[in-house]
Amino acid sequence: MTTYRWAISVRRWDHYGQRVVSRTPAAIDAKDKDEVTVKVRAMFNATYDDFRKFWSHDWTLQSVEEVTG
């Protein structure tokens, strides 16, 4: 199975999900975007606001490259 190294910026949203409070650079090895999302949520203890329908953390892609070896 091919693995990729995803260079991302993790965004933490305010209590209302209206603005980004902080950005944290990260590099995650994963096979696809869904796995990156799962790992980001676990690493940053992301929570879901069921009333406002948003996650406390999400991510944006900076670059991706295939990991060899």
PDB file of N, CA and C in Angstrom:
ATOM      1  N   MET A   1       0.837  -1.177   0.000  1.00  0.00           N
ATOM      2  CA  MET A   1       0.000   0.000   0.000  1.00  0.00           C
ATOM      3  C   MET A   1       0.887   1.247   0.000  1.00  0.00           C
ATOM      4  N   THR A   2       0.520   2.215  -0.791  1.00  0.00           N
ATOM      5  CA  THR A   2       1.274   3.458  -0.898  1.00  0.00           C
ATOM      6  C   THR A   2       0.898   4.393   0.242  1.00  0.00           C
ATOM      7  N   THR A   3       1.920   4.987   0.842  1.00  0.00           N
ATOM      8  CA  THR A   3       1.713   5.965   1.909  1.00  0.00           C
ATOM      9  C   THR A   3       2.247   7.313   1.452  1.00  0.00           C
ATOM     10  N   TYR A   4       1.589   8.358   1.873  1.00  0.00           N
ATOM     11  CA  TYR A   4       1.983   9.707   1.506  1.00  0.00           C
ATOM     12  C   TYR A   4       2.271  10.527   2.760  1.00  0.00           C
ATOM     13  N   ARG A   5       3.167  11.495   2.625  1.00  0.00           N
ATOM     14  CA  ARG A   5       3.431  12.440   3.713  1.00  0.00           C
ATOM     15  C   ARG A   5       2.709  13.732   3.363  1.00  0.00           C
ATOM     16  N   TRP A   6       1.749  14.074   4.205  1.00  0.00           N
ATOM     17  CA  TRP A   6       0.906  15.239   4.005  1.00  0.00           C
ATOM     18  C   TRP A   6       1.427  16.379   4.869  1.00  0.00           C
ATOM     19  N   ALA A   7       1.892  17.450   4.250  1.00  0.00           N
ATOM     20  CA  ALA A   7       2.275  18.662   4.975  1.00  0.00           C
ATOM     21  C   ALA A   7       1.017  19.526   5.021  1.00  0.00           C
ATOM     22  N   ILE A   8       0.536  19.779   6.231  1.00  0.00           N
ATOM     23  CA  ILE A   8      -0.747  20.451   6.386  1.00  0.00           C
ATOM     24  C   ILE A   8      -0.656  21.587   7.397  1.00  0.00           C
ATOM     25  N   SER A   9      -1.694  22.377   7.430  1.00  0.00           N
ATOM     26  CA  SER A   9      -1.862  23.401   8.457  1.00  0.00           C
ATOM     27  C   SER A   9      -3.168  23.065   9.177  1.00  0.00           C
ATOM     28  N   VAL A  10      -3.073  22.779  10.467  1.00  0.00           N
ATOM     29  CA  VAL A  10      -4.255  22.436  11.260  1.00  0.00           C
ATOM     30  C   VAL A  10      -4.851  23.731  11.805  1.00  0.00           C
ATOM     31  N   ARG A  11      -6.141  23.928  11.543  1.00  0.00           N
ATOM     32  CA  ARG A  11      -6.821  25.136  11.999  1.00  0.00           C
ATOM     33  C   ARG A  11      -7.724  24.818  13.188  1.00  0.00           C
ATOM     34  N   ARG A  12      -7.627  25.654  14.233  1.00  0.00           N
ATOM     35  CA  ARG A  12      -8.535  25.545  15.376  1.00  0.00           C
ATOM     36  C   ARG A  12      -9.514  26.696  15.291  1.00  0.00           C
ATOM     37  N   TRP A  13     -10.801  26.371  15.345  1.00  0.00           N
ATOM     38  CA  TRP A  13     -11.863  27.361  15.216  1.00  0.00           C
ATOM     39  C   TRP A  13     -12.329  27.837  16.581  1.00  0.00           C
ATOM     40  N   ASP A  14     -12.880  29.043  16.629  1.00  0.00           N
ATOM     41  CA  ASP A  14     -13.423  29.576  17.880  1.00  0.00           C
ATOM     42  C   ASP A  14     -14.676  28.801  18.289  1.00  0.00           C
ATOM     43  N   HIS A  15     -15.205  29.136  19.439  1.00  0.00           N
ATOM     44  CA  HIS A  15     -16.348  28.421  20.020  1.00  0.00           C
ATOM     45  C   HIS A  15     -17.566  28.401  19.084  1.00  0.00           C
ATOM     46  N   TYR A  16     -17.698  29.411  18.253  1.00  0.00           N
ATOM     47  CA  TYR A  16     -18.858  29.516  17.363  1.00  0.00           C
ATOM     48  C   TYR A  16     -18.584  29.041  15.942  1.00  0.00           C
ATOM     49  N   GLY A  17     -17.330  28.664  15.660  1.00  0.00           N
ATOM     50  CA  GLY A  17     -16.975  28.194  14.329  1.00  0.00           C
ATOM     51  C   GLY A  17     -16.954  29.294  13.294  1.00  0.00           C
ATOM     52  N   GLN A  18     -16.724  30.526  13.730  1.00  0.00           N
ATOM     53  CA  GLN A  18     -16.775  31.660  12.810  1.00  0.00           C
ATOM     54  C   GLN A  18     -15.406  32.158  12.363  1.00  0.00           C
ATOM     55  N   ARG A  19     -14.372  31.911  13.162  1.00  0.00           N
ATOM     56  CA  ARG A  19     -13.044  32.377  12.760  1.00  0.00           C
ATOM     57  C   ARG A  19     -11.976  31.419  13.266  1.00  0.00           C
ATOM     58  N   VAL A  20     -10.860  31.412  12.564  1.00  0.00           N
ATOM     59  CA  VAL A  20      -9.733  30.560  12.945  1.00  0.00           C
ATOM     60  C   VAL A  20      -8.983  31.227  14.093  1.00  0.00           C
ATOM     61  N   VAL A  21      -8.799  30.489  15.181  1.00  0.00           N
ATOM     62  CA  VAL A  21      -8.106  31.003  16.364  1.00  0.00           C
ATOM     63  C   VAL A  21      -6.607  30.763  16.253  1.00  0.00           C
ATOM     64  N   SER A  22      -6.218  29.606  15.711  1.00  0.00           N
ATOM     65  CA  SER A  22      -4.796  29.307  15.568  1.00  0.00           C
ATOM     66  C   SER A  22      -4.570  28.348  14.406  1.00  0.00           C
ATOM     67  N   ARG A  23      -3.328  28.359  13.921  1.00  0.00           N
ATOM     68  CA  ARG A  23      -2.893  27.441  12.863  1.00  0.00           C
ATOM     69  C   ARG A  23      -1.619  26.760  13.342  1.00  0.00           C
ATOM     70  N   THR A  24      -1.564  25.446  13.162  1.00  0.00           N
ATOM     71  CA  THR A  24      -0.410  24.666  13.584  1.00  0.00           C
ATOM     72  C   THR A  24       0.077  23.838  12.403  1.00  0.00           C
ATOM     73  N   PRO A  25       1.342  23.995  12.002  1.00  0.00           N
ATOM     74  CA  PRO A  25       1.850  23.147  10.921  1.00  0.00           C
ATOM     75  C   PRO A  25       2.040  21.717  11.412  1.00  0.00           C
ATOM     76  N   ALA A  26       1.820  20.753  10.534  1.00  0.00           N
ATOM     77  CA  ALA A  26       1.979  19.344  10.898  1.00  0.00           C
ATOM     78  C   ALA A  26       2.332  18.546   9.640  1.00  0.00           C
ATOM     79  N   ALA A  27       2.975  17.407   9.853  1.00  0.00           N
ATOM     80  CA  ALA A  27       3.264  16.454   8.779  1.00  0.00           C
ATOM     81  C   ALA A  27       2.725  15.104   9.230  1.00  0.00           C
ATOM     82  N   ILE A  28       1.875  14.516   8.413  1.00  0.00           N
ATOM     83  CA  ILE A  28       1.211  13.264   8.767  1.00  0.00           C
ATOM     84  C   ILE A  28       1.393  12.265   7.641  1.00  0.00           C
ATOM     85  N   ASP A  29       1.769  11.039   7.999  1.00  0.00           N
ATOM     86  CA  ASP A  29       1.851   9.952   7.027  1.00  0.00           C
ATOM     87  C   ASP A  29       0.508   9.234   6.994  1.00  0.00           C
ATOM     88  N   ALA A  30      -0.089   9.184   5.807  1.00  0.00           N
ATOM     89  CA  ALA A  30      -1.395   8.549   5.661  1.00  0.00           C
ATOM     90  C   ALA A  30      -1.598   8.141   4.212  1.00  0.00           C
ATOM     91  N   LYS A  31      -2.551   7.233   4.002  1.00  0.00           N
ATOM     92  CA  LYS A  31      -2.798   6.739   2.643  1.00  0.00           C
ATOM     93  C   LYS A  31      -3.752   7.631   1.852  1.00  0.00           C
ATOM     94  N   ASP A  32      -4.625   8.392   2.551  1.00  0.00           N
ATOM     95  CA  ASP A  32      -5.576   9.254   1.852  1.00  0.00           C
ATOM     96  C   ASP A  32      -6.060  10.389   2.760  1.00  0.00           C
ATOM     97  N   LYS A  33      -6.886  11.287   2.195  1.00  0.00           N
ATOM     98  CA  LYS A  33      -7.380  12.454   2.928  1.00  0.00           C
ATOM     99  C   LYS A  33      -8.214  12.060   4.146  1.00  0.00           C
ATOM    100  N   ASP A  34      -9.005  11.015   4.003  1.00  0.00           N
ATOM    101  CA  ASP A  34      -9.849  10.584   5.118  1.00  0.00           C
ATOM    102  C   ASP A  34      -9.002  10.170   6.322  1.00  0.00           C
ATOM    103  N   GLU A  35      -7.916   9.471   6.067  1.00  0.00           N
ATOM    104  CA  GLU A  35      -7.036   9.050   7.154  1.00  0.00           C
ATOM    105  C   GLU A  35      -6.352  10.259   7.799  1.00  0.00           C
ATOM    106  N   VAL A  36      -5.990  11.246   6.992  1.00  0.00           N
ATOM    107  CA  VAL A  36      -5.408  12.476   7.540  1.00  0.00           C
ATOM    108  C   VAL A  36      -6.406  13.137   8.488  1.00  0.00           C
ATOM    109  N   THR A  37      -7.648  13.235   8.062  1.00  0.00           N
ATOM    110  CA  THR A  37      -8.682  13.861   8.889  1.00  0.00           C
ATOM    111  C   THR A  37      -8.853  13.126  10.210  1.00  0.00           C
ATOM    112  N   VAL A  38      -8.907  11.809  10.175  1.00  0.00           N
ATOM    113  CA  VAL A  38      -9.050  11.009  11.397  1.00  0.00           C
ATOM    114  C   VAL A  38      -7.869  11.249  12.332  1.00  0.00           C
ATOM    115  N   LYS A  39      -6.665  11.254  11.773  1.00  0.00           N
ATOM    116  CA  LYS A  39      -5.465  11.457  12.597  1.00  0.00           C
ATOM    117  C   LYS A  39      -5.412  12.860  13.187  1.00  0.00           C
ATOM    118  N   VAL A  40      -5.787  13.875  12.413  1.00  0.00           N
ATOM    119  CA  VAL A  40      -5.804  15.252  12.923  1.00  0.00           C
ATOM    120  C   VAL A  40      -6.782  15.367  14.083  1.00  0.00           C
ATOM    121  N   ARG A  41      -7.966  14.834  13.919  1.00  0.00           N
ATOM    122  CA  ARG A  41      -8.974  14.916  14.985  1.00  0.00           C
ATOM    123  C   ARG A  41      -8.493  14.222  16.251  1.00  0.00           C
ATOM    124  N   ALA A  42      -7.806  13.096  16.103  1.00  0.00           N
ATOM    125  CA  ALA A  42      -7.289  12.380  17.274  1.00  0.00           C
ATOM    126  C   ALA A  42      -6.129  13.135  17.914  1.00  0.00           C
ATOM    127  N   MET A  43      -5.197  13.645  17.106  1.00  0.00           N
ATOM    128  CA  MET A  43      -4.024  14.342  17.633  1.00  0.00           C
ATOM    129  C   MET A  43      -4.389  15.614  18.396  1.00  0.00           C
ATOM    130  N   PHE A  44      -5.406  16.311  17.938  1.00  0.00           N
ATOM    131  CA  PHE A  44      -5.764  17.596  18.524  1.00  0.00           C
ATOM    132  C   PHE A  44      -7.016  17.525  19.398  1.00  0.00           C
ATOM    133  N   ASN A  45      -7.464  16.312  19.702  1.00  0.00           N
ATOM    134  CA  ASN A  45      -8.665  16.124  20.526  1.00  0.00           C
ATOM    135  C   ASN A  45      -9.830  16.968  20.017  1.00  0.00           C
ATOM    136  N   ALA A  46     -10.059  16.926  18.727  1.00  0.00           N
ATOM    137  CA  ALA A  46     -11.123  17.713  18.111  1.00  0.00           C
ATOM    138  C   ALA A  46     -12.483  17.264  18.626  1.00  0.00           C
ATOM    139  N   THR A  47     -13.375  18.218  18.751  1.00  0.00           N
ATOM    140  CA  THR A  47     -14.736  17.934  19.191  1.00  0.00           C
ATOM    141  C   THR A  47     -15.716  18.422  18.127  1.00  0.00           C
ATOM    142  N   TYR A  48     -16.868  17.771  18.079  1.00  0.00           N
ATOM    143  CA  TYR A  48     -17.901  18.147  17.123  1.00  0.00           C
ATOM    144  C   TYR A  48     -19.009  18.875  17.863  1.00  0.00           C
ATOM    145  N   ASP A  49     -19.381  20.047  17.370  1.00  0.00           N
ATOM    146  CA  ASP A  49     -20.482  20.817  17.948  1.00  0.00           C
ATOM    147  C   ASP A  49     -21.751  20.436  17.193  1.00  0.00           C
ATOM    148  N   ASP A  50     -22.566  19.608  17.811  1.00  0.00           N
ATOM    149  CA  ASP A  50     -23.761  19.096  17.149  1.00  0.00           C
ATOM    150  C   ASP A  50     -24.797  20.192  16.902  1.00  0.00           C
ATOM    151  N   PHE A  51     -24.830  21.200  17.751  1.00  0.00           N
ATOM    152  CA  PHE A  51     -25.783  22.290  17.590  1.00  0.00           C
ATOM    153  C   PHE A  51     -25.414  23.170  16.394  1.00  0.00           C
ATOM    154  N   ARG A  52     -24.139  23.521  16.293  1.00  0.00           N
ATOM    155  CA  ARG A  52     -23.677  24.420  15.225  1.00  0.00           C
ATOM    156  C   ARG A  52     -23.156  23.665  13.996  1.00  0.00           C
ATOM    157  N   LYS A  53     -22.993  22.350  14.120  1.00  0.00           N
ATOM    158  CA  LYS A  53     -22.601  21.474  13.002  1.00  0.00           C
ATOM    159  C   LYS A  53     -21.214  21.796  12.441  1.00  0.00           C
ATOM    160  N   PHE A  54     -20.198  21.804  13.319  1.00  0.00           N
ATOM    161  CA  PHE A  54     -18.835  21.990  12.851  1.00  0.00           C
ATOM    162  C   PHE A  54     -17.863  21.305  13.794  1.00  0.00           C
ATOM    163  N   TRP A  55     -16.661  20.985  13.272  1.00  0.00           N
ATOM    164  CA  TRP A  55     -15.584  20.407  14.061  1.00  0.00           C
ATOM    165  C   TRP A  55     -14.720  21.531  14.611  1.00  0.00           C
ATOM    166  N   SER A  56     -14.169  21.350  15.795  1.00  0.00           N
ATOM    167  CA  SER A  56     -13.311  22.361  16.413  1.00  0.00           C
ATOM    168  C   SER A  56     -11.991  22.523  15.667  1.00  0.00           C
ATOM    169  N   HIS A  57     -11.572  21.494  14.942  1.00  0.00           N
ATOM    170  CA  HIS A  57     -10.325  21.527  14.180  1.00  0.00           C
ATOM    171  C   HIS A  57     -10.568  20.969  12.774  1.00  0.00           C
ATOM    172  N   ASP A  58      -9.856  21.528  11.801  1.00  0.00           N
ATOM    173  CA  ASP A  58      -9.810  20.953  10.466  1.00  0.00           C
ATOM    174  C   ASP A  58      -8.421  21.242   9.900  1.00  0.00           C
ATOM    175  N   TRP A  59      -8.201  20.960   8.642  1.00  0.00           N
ATOM    176  CA  TRP A  59      -6.859  21.155   8.087  1.00  0.00           C
ATOM    177  C   TRP A  59      -6.917  21.611   6.642  1.00  0.00           C
ATOM    178  N   THR A  60      -5.816  22.262   6.228  1.00  0.00           N
ATOM    179  CA  THR A  60      -5.649  22.656   4.835  1.00  0.00           C
ATOM    180  C   THR A  60      -4.323  22.081   4.339  1.00  0.00           C
ATOM    181  N   LEU A  61      -4.302  21.715   3.096  1.00  0.00           N
ATOM    182  CA  LEU A  61      -3.138  21.070   2.493  1.00  0.00           C
ATOM    183  C   LEU A  61      -2.081  22.090   2.079  1.00  0.00           C
ATOM    184  N   GLN A  62      -0.830  21.806   2.431  1.00  0.00           N
ATOM    185  CA  GLN A  62       0.301  22.600   1.952  1.00  0.00           C
ATOM    186  C   GLN A  62       0.983  21.861   0.797  1.00  0.00           C
ATOM    187  N   SER A  63       1.303  20.573   1.034  1.00  0.00           N
ATOM    188  CA  SER A  63       1.898  19.739  -0.022  1.00  0.00           C
ATOM    189  C   SER A  63       1.746  18.271   0.371  1.00  0.00           C
ATOM    190  N   VAL A  64       1.937  17.410  -0.619  1.00  0.00           N
ATOM    191  CA  VAL A  64       1.877  15.976  -0.371  1.00  0.00           C
ATOM    192  C   VAL A  64       2.927  15.302  -1.250  1.00  0.00           C
ATOM    193  N   GLU A  65       3.584  14.285  -0.670  1.00  0.00           N
ATOM    194  CA  GLU A  65       4.580  13.534  -1.432  1.00  0.00           C
ATOM    195  C   GLU A  65       4.539  12.068  -1.032  1.00  0.00           C
ATOM    196  N   GLU A  66       4.887  11.213  -1.963  1.00  0.00           N
ATOM    197  CA  GLU A  66       4.885   9.781  -1.704  1.00  0.00           C
ATOM    198  C   GLU A  66       6.088   9.418  -0.817  1.00  0.00           C
ATOM    199  N   VAL A  67       5.838   8.583   0.186  1.00  0.00           N
ATOM    200  CA  VAL A  67       6.886   8.124   1.078  1.00  0.00           C
ATOM    201  C   VAL A  67       7.432   6.819   0.509  1.00  0.00           C
ATOM    202  N   THR A  68       8.733   6.761   0.342  1.00  0.00           N
ATOM    203  CA  THR A  68       9.359   5.545  -0.178  1.00  0.00           C
ATOM    204  C   THR A  68      10.070   4.796   0.934  1.00  0.00           C
ATOM    205  N   GLY A  69      10.117   3.499   0.762  1.00  0.00           N
ATOM    206  CA  GLY A  69      10.866   2.663   1.712  1.00  0.00           C
ATOM    207  C   GLY A  69      10.029   2.223   2.783  1.00  0.00           C
TER     208      GLY A  69
END
